Structures are given as structure tokens and as C-alpha cells.
Protein backbone atom coordinates (compact mmCIF):
# COMPACT_ATOMS: atom_id res chain seq x y z
CA MET A 1 15.39 -14.78 121.68
CA ARG A 2 12.80 -12.49 120.49
CA ARG A 3 13.12 -10.04 123.11
CA ASN A 4 17.11 -9.23 122.38
CA LEU A 5 16.76 -8.46 118.57
CA LYS A 6 16.34 -4.61 117.65
CA LYS A 7 14.26 -3.48 114.68
CA GLY A 8 16.34 -4.08 111.63
CA SER A 9 17.46 -7.45 113.01
CA SER A 10 13.98 -8.55 113.56
CA ILE A 11 12.87 -7.64 109.78
CA ALA A 12 15.71 -9.32 108.48
CA LEU A 13 14.96 -12.64 110.42
CA ILE A 14 11.74 -12.63 108.98
CA THR A 15 12.24 -11.94 105.68
CA LEU A 16 14.76 -15.08 106.00
CA MET A 17 11.75 -17.31 107.09
CA TYR A 18 9.55 -15.92 104.78
CA VAL A 19 12.09 -16.67 101.77
CA PHE A 20 12.11 -20.51 103.35
CA ALA A 21 8.70 -20.64 103.49
CA MET A 22 8.31 -19.47 99.91
CA VAL A 23 11.02 -21.99 98.87
CA VAL A 24 9.11 -25.14 100.51
CA GLY A 25 6.05 -23.77 99.16
CA ILE A 26 7.40 -24.06 95.78
CA PHE A 27 8.63 -27.42 96.48
CA VAL A 28 5.10 -28.35 97.76
CA PHE A 29 3.49 -27.12 94.52
CA LYS A 30 5.73 -29.27 92.25
CA GLY A 31 5.70 -32.55 94.51
CA LEU A 32 1.53 -32.10 94.29
CA GLU A 33 0.64 -30.63 90.83
CA PRO A 34 0.92 -33.89 88.89
CA SER A 35 -1.28 -35.75 91.08
CA MET A 36 -4.12 -32.97 91.70
CA HIS A 37 -5.96 -29.74 90.12
CA GLU A 38 -3.22 -27.24 90.17
CA LEU A 39 -4.94 -24.97 92.00
CA TRP A 40 -5.59 -26.99 95.09
CA ALA A 41 -1.91 -27.67 94.92
CA VAL A 42 -1.10 -24.09 95.14
CA PHE A 43 -3.70 -23.67 98.12
CA LEU A 44 -1.94 -26.64 100.13
CA ALA A 45 1.52 -24.86 99.15
CA ASP A 46 0.36 -21.72 100.90
CA VAL A 47 -1.00 -23.75 103.92
CA VAL A 48 2.13 -25.67 104.26
CA ALA A 49 3.86 -22.09 103.82
CA ALA A 50 1.88 -20.23 106.36
CA VAL A 51 2.32 -23.41 109.10
CA LEU A 52 5.74 -22.82 108.39
CA ILE A 53 5.36 -19.26 109.38
CA TRP A 54 3.32 -19.97 112.42
CA GLY A 55 5.95 -22.31 113.53
CA CYS A 56 8.22 -19.51 113.62
CA GLY A 57 6.09 -17.45 115.45
CA VAL A 58 6.02 -20.30 118.12
CA VAL A 59 9.73 -19.89 118.24
CA CYS A 60 9.97 -16.52 118.68
CA ARG A 61 6.90 -16.40 120.69
CA ASN A 62 5.34 -13.50 118.75
CA VAL A 63 2.36 -14.31 116.59
CA SER A 64 2.93 -10.87 114.85
CA VAL A 65 5.86 -12.72 112.69
CA TYR A 66 2.53 -13.80 110.52
CA ASP A 67 1.54 -10.24 109.89
CA PRO A 68 3.43 -9.38 106.70
CA TYR A 69 1.79 -12.74 105.18
CA TRP A 70 -1.27 -11.22 104.49
CA SER A 71 0.31 -8.87 101.86
CA VAL A 72 3.25 -11.07 100.68
CA ALA A 73 1.70 -14.05 99.34
CA PRO A 74 -0.87 -12.76 96.92
CA PRO A 75 1.91 -10.63 95.08
CA VAL A 76 4.25 -13.98 95.20
CA ILE A 77 1.71 -16.70 94.33
CA PHE A 78 0.35 -14.49 91.37
CA THR A 79 3.75 -13.85 89.77
CA PHE A 80 4.53 -17.53 90.17
CA TRP A 81 1.00 -18.69 88.56
CA ALA A 82 1.94 -16.40 85.73
CA PHE A 83 5.55 -17.86 85.37
CA TYR A 84 3.86 -21.40 85.83
CA LYS A 85 0.84 -20.68 82.91
CA SER A 86 3.43 -18.90 81.22
CA CYS A 87 0.67 -16.25 80.83
CA TRP A 88 1.30 -12.74 79.98
CA THR A 89 -2.03 -10.90 78.84
CA LEU A 90 -2.80 -7.61 79.68
CA PRO A 91 -5.32 -8.48 82.26
CA VAL A 92 -2.96 -10.73 84.01
CA ILE A 93 -0.08 -7.83 83.59
CA LEU A 94 -2.60 -5.35 85.28
CA LEU A 95 -3.35 -7.75 87.72
CA LEU A 96 0.24 -8.22 88.61
CA ILE A 97 0.65 -4.23 88.77
CA ALA A 98 -2.31 -3.77 91.10
CA VAL A 99 -1.44 -6.52 93.42
CA TRP A 100 2.42 -5.67 93.95
CA TYR A 101 1.21 -2.08 94.13
CA TRP A 102 -1.12 -3.11 97.17
CA GLY A 103 1.69 -5.52 98.47
CA ILE A 104 4.15 -3.24 98.95
CA ARG A 105 2.45 -0.52 100.08
CA LEU A 106 0.79 -2.79 103.00
CA THR A 107 4.09 -4.49 103.34
CA GLY A 108 5.82 -1.30 103.83
CA ASN A 109 3.61 0.14 106.22
CA TRP A 110 4.04 -3.06 108.32
CA ALA A 111 7.78 -2.27 108.17
CA VAL A 112 7.58 1.14 109.64
CA THR A 113 4.91 0.27 112.25
CA PHE A 114 6.56 -3.10 113.11
CA GLN A 115 8.53 -2.16 116.49
CA GLY A 116 10.84 -5.62 116.13
CA LEU A 117 10.29 -9.20 117.50
CA GLY A 118 10.41 -7.82 121.21
CA HIS A 119 6.77 -6.47 120.60
CA GLU A 120 3.43 -8.38 119.71
CA ASP A 121 0.38 -6.77 118.11
CA TRP A 122 -2.07 -5.77 121.19
CA ARG A 123 -4.78 -8.40 119.36
CA TYR A 124 -2.57 -11.34 119.77
CA THR A 125 -1.22 -10.42 123.36
CA GLN A 126 -4.89 -9.93 124.59
CA TYR A 127 -5.41 -13.74 123.11
CA ARG A 128 -2.80 -14.72 125.00
CA GLU A 129 -3.31 -13.30 128.06
CA LYS A 130 -6.95 -14.57 128.47
CA GLN A 131 -6.07 -18.08 127.29
CA ALA A 132 -4.25 -21.22 128.11
CA PRO A 133 -1.34 -21.79 126.29
CA LEU A 134 -2.57 -24.98 124.60
CA LEU A 135 -5.63 -23.22 123.65
CA PHE A 136 -3.86 -20.22 122.45
CA GLN A 137 -1.73 -21.97 120.09
CA LEU A 138 -4.60 -23.62 118.62
CA THR A 139 -6.25 -20.30 118.04
CA ASN A 140 -3.00 -19.08 117.03
CA LEU A 141 -2.74 -21.75 114.13
CA PHE A 142 -6.41 -22.30 113.00
CA GLY A 143 -7.39 -18.63 114.27
CA LEU A 144 -4.84 -16.34 113.94
CA ASN A 145 -2.98 -17.63 110.85
CA MET A 146 -4.76 -20.04 109.12
CA MET A 147 -8.11 -18.19 109.06
CA PRO A 148 -6.73 -15.25 107.22
CA THR A 149 -4.81 -17.59 104.57
CA VAL A 150 -7.40 -19.15 103.72
CA LEU A 151 -9.63 -16.15 103.30
CA VAL A 152 -7.10 -14.31 101.58
CA PHE A 153 -6.55 -17.37 99.01
CA ALA A 154 -10.60 -17.29 98.50
CA CYS A 155 -10.52 -13.79 97.59
CA MET A 156 -7.68 -14.54 95.05
CA LEU A 157 -9.81 -16.86 93.32
CA PRO A 158 -11.04 -14.30 90.56
CA GLY A 159 -7.71 -13.43 89.96
CA PHE A 160 -6.70 -16.82 89.31
CA GLY A 161 -9.59 -16.66 86.90
CA LEU A 162 -7.87 -13.88 84.91
CA PHE A 163 -5.20 -16.43 83.57
CA ALA A 164 -7.57 -18.49 82.00
CA GLN A 165 -9.33 -15.80 79.72
CA PRO A 166 -8.28 -14.46 76.32
CA GLY A 167 -6.30 -10.91 76.70
CA ALA A 168 -9.07 -8.84 75.93
CA ILE A 169 -9.78 -5.64 77.60
CA ARG A 170 -12.83 -4.41 78.54
CA PHE A 171 -14.42 -1.56 80.67
CA LEU A 172 -14.57 -3.35 83.95
CA ILE A 173 -11.09 -4.82 83.61
CA VAL A 174 -9.65 -1.27 83.42
CA LEU A 175 -12.17 0.25 86.14
CA GLY A 176 -11.01 -2.83 88.60
CA PHE A 177 -7.87 -1.94 87.71
CA VAL A 178 -8.00 1.51 89.33
CA VAL A 179 -9.92 0.44 91.81
CA CYS A 180 -7.65 -1.91 92.80
CA LEU A 181 -4.97 1.60 92.75
CA SER A 182 -7.26 3.71 94.32
CA SER A 183 -7.71 1.71 97.13
CA ALA A 184 -3.84 0.83 98.02
CA THR A 185 -3.49 4.90 97.29
CA ILE A 186 -6.39 5.46 100.10
CA GLN A 187 -4.75 3.05 102.48
CA LEU A 188 -1.33 5.28 101.55
CA ILE A 189 -2.81 8.72 102.54
CA ALA A 190 -5.09 7.12 105.43
CA ASP A 191 -1.84 5.30 107.41
CA THR A 192 0.48 8.30 106.57
CA GLN A 193 -2.54 11.02 108.31
CA ILE A 194 -3.04 8.63 111.29
CA HIS A 195 0.77 8.57 111.73
CA ARG A 196 1.40 12.18 111.68
CA PHE A 197 -1.73 12.60 113.56
CA ARG A 198 -0.81 10.21 116.71
CA ALA A 199 2.54 11.65 116.75
CA ALA A 200 1.22 15.41 116.99
CA HIS A 201 -1.84 14.29 119.07
CA PRO A 202 -1.37 11.14 121.16
CA GLY A 203 -4.43 9.69 123.03
CA GLU A 204 -7.18 11.30 120.61
CA PRO A 205 -9.24 10.27 117.76
CA CYS A 206 -7.72 10.51 114.31
CA THR A 207 -10.11 13.50 112.67
CA ALA A 208 -7.54 14.25 110.07
CA GLY A 209 -8.19 13.83 106.10
CA LEU A 210 -9.95 10.81 105.58
CA TRP A 211 -10.40 10.52 108.92
CA LYS A 212 -12.78 13.30 108.96
CA HIS A 213 -15.33 11.30 106.66
CA GLY A 214 -14.93 7.72 107.73
CA ARG A 215 -13.40 5.98 111.12
CA HIS A 216 -11.49 3.25 109.17
CA PRO A 217 -10.58 4.27 105.78
CA ASN A 218 -7.89 2.00 105.57
CA TYR A 219 -9.79 -0.90 106.11
CA PHE A 220 -12.35 0.39 103.41
CA GLY A 221 -9.40 0.72 101.06
CA GLU A 222 -8.37 -3.09 101.72
CA VAL A 223 -12.25 -4.09 101.08
CA GLN A 224 -12.21 -1.95 97.85
CA PHE A 225 -9.12 -3.18 96.95
CA TRP A 226 -10.65 -6.92 96.72
CA TRP A 227 -13.69 -5.67 95.07
CA GLY A 228 -11.49 -4.29 92.32
CA ILE A 229 -10.02 -7.82 91.75
CA TRP A 230 -13.13 -9.08 91.76
CA LEU A 231 -14.33 -6.57 88.99
CA MET A 232 -11.41 -7.69 86.77
CA TYR A 233 -12.34 -11.42 87.13
CA ALA A 234 -16.31 -10.26 86.51
CA SER A 235 -15.64 -8.20 83.39
CA LEU A 236 -14.92 -11.79 81.43
CA ASN A 237 -16.94 -14.00 83.85
CA GLY A 238 -20.21 -12.41 84.65
CA LEU A 239 -21.89 -12.50 87.98
CA ASP A 240 -21.22 -16.12 89.52
CA TRP A 241 -20.52 -17.50 93.06
CA LEU A 242 -17.03 -15.76 93.04
CA VAL A 243 -18.57 -12.62 94.22
CA LEU A 244 -18.51 -14.30 97.58
CA SER A 245 -15.02 -13.76 97.69
CA PRO A 246 -15.15 -9.84 98.09
CA ILE A 247 -18.19 -10.32 100.26
CA ALA A 248 -16.36 -12.73 102.73
CA MET A 249 -13.41 -10.14 103.29
CA THR A 250 -15.86 -7.11 103.58
CA ALA A 251 -17.54 -9.45 106.50
CA LEU A 252 -14.27 -10.32 107.83
CA PHE A 253 -13.58 -6.47 108.36
CA LEU A 254 -17.48 -5.46 109.38
CA PHE A 255 -18.01 -8.17 112.25
CA ILE A 256 -14.49 -8.77 113.25
CA SER A 257 -11.82 -6.15 112.60
CA ILE A 258 -13.67 -3.40 112.83
CA PRO A 259 -15.47 -4.39 116.13
CA MET A 260 -12.44 -5.45 117.94
CA MET A 261 -10.57 -2.29 117.29
CA GLU A 262 -13.73 0.53 117.92
CA LYS A 263 -13.84 -1.50 121.54
CA ARG A 264 -10.49 -0.98 122.09
CA GLN A 265 -10.75 2.61 121.24
CA LEU A 266 -13.64 3.46 123.09
CA ALA A 267 -11.47 1.80 126.36
CA ARG A 268 -8.68 3.53 125.72
CA LYS A 269 -9.72 7.23 124.16
CA PRO A 270 -12.60 8.75 126.02
CA ALA A 271 -13.42 11.21 123.05
CA TYR A 272 -13.64 8.29 120.56
CA ALA A 273 -17.46 7.93 121.72
CA ASP A 274 -18.30 11.23 120.27
CA TYR A 275 -16.11 9.99 117.29
CA ARG A 276 -17.94 7.29 116.92
CA LYS A 277 -21.53 8.98 116.50
CA ASN A 278 -20.33 11.39 114.26
CA THR A 279 -18.65 9.89 112.07
CA ARG A 280 -19.44 6.81 109.37
CA ILE A 281 -17.94 3.35 109.35
CA LEU A 282 -16.08 3.27 106.52
CA ILE A 283 -17.40 5.50 103.88
């Protein structure tokens, strides 16, 4: 089925999948909320929605169906939470602006680069080719779908903390908001620069603009965004265990995403070794 759909039809189908998963998630939350802590209820609703998207990816034989979940879930969940808590303080509004700006930008980049259901991201294809079918589906569910879902939700916990605080504006809230906006803008600039560079210089490592100063400015922006969310939270709550949220996101990129990407770049682009030697990893 997936090989017969063009890009526009593929995106429309995936959109319907996400709307269905969102509606099911809301019903799951409504069913669980009376009997457990509300944060556990919204987390389990998030997990159920992610499992539905995983199932859609299995049916379509394409793990890339899950890719937009990373940037779609946080804005939707935080907005739902604002309505559920009837909380529209200025810190919450700043949080929503930041998350929606980041989410729209990142999802838009996915839509631009997505080639349709007939094409699967190389990282997923790599797992699919190396593992037996059953083992791959277990890796798909728990590693490629559930792990990011849980990690992103964990990184959202500082944001949830803003809903329980008074609406006072402090310096770190404004600073965190600015960090979030600048992070998404860094990603926007970095992605635009690399798309243009690849079109003009296929097969070469990107050395234009921000890529001249760091090998992964798009990943730097992503990591910085979650530190911005935490800064907004820390302005009202100080330093506590939730600092582990952005630390975990930083570790994901430093120890998993970046090494995987660089291994591929070194194998495909002979000049990447020199670029790697002379350019810092993030900053």
C-alpha cells in the first residue's frame, strides 16, 4: 500500500492517523484520570497514542510514520493541559507560544523532507535489514517509538510544572522563553542552509553558515530548546531533580543520534573526516 501513494496523499493519510490517535488519547485520559494521578493519566494516553502510530507504521511498512510524533505531541498535549487545568497565566502562554513555534517549525521541516510512504528513513531501513522480522518489530516498538515518546514526555515535565505555579514573570522565565525561540530559529536557519547546500553541492559535507561553526547546529538547537523549557521551570522552582530531563535529551543526541549520523557521513562523504577534525560537534 505504501509504495503506491505520492507525497501529498501520504501526508494526508498520516494526518488522519494522528487525528485518530489524538482522539483516542483524549478518551484514554478521560477514562483513567478519575482513578490515578492526572500526570500518569496523560502519560498513559500519550503512550497509547504512540502505540497506535506504531501500529499504523507496521501496516504501512514504514517506521517514518512515527517521525512527526516528536514535534506534534508536545504542542497538542500542553494545549490540552491548559484547557484541562483552565490555566492561562503568562508563563503558560509563553510556554505555549514557544512549543507551538518549535513544533510547527520542526513538523514543517519533516513535511518538506518527507518523500512519501514509499520512502523510509535510512536509520530504520538499517535496523530492518539487519534484524529478523520479529526482532525488528520489537526494536521498532520499544526502541524507535516508545523510547522517544517516554524521553520527550520526561522533558515536558518541567513545562507541566509551570501550570502549578503563580503567574509571576521572572527573569529566567523570559530568558527560557528567548532560549526556546532562538533554538527553533537556529534549527530553521540550519535546516534551510543544509537543504540549499546539498542541492548545490551533492555529496559534500555542509560547511555553509552555521555548519561552518558546528557539525550539528540543528541538533544543538534541539538540545537548547529543552534547556529553555527547563529554565522557565527553574525560575519558579529552583534546581531540583527535573534538571535530569534536559540532561537526558542532551545525552540522547551526544551518545546516540550524533554518533549514528557521523558514522553514515564518514562512510558516504570522503571529505567529512577533515570537516569532522576541524569543526566542533555542536557549538
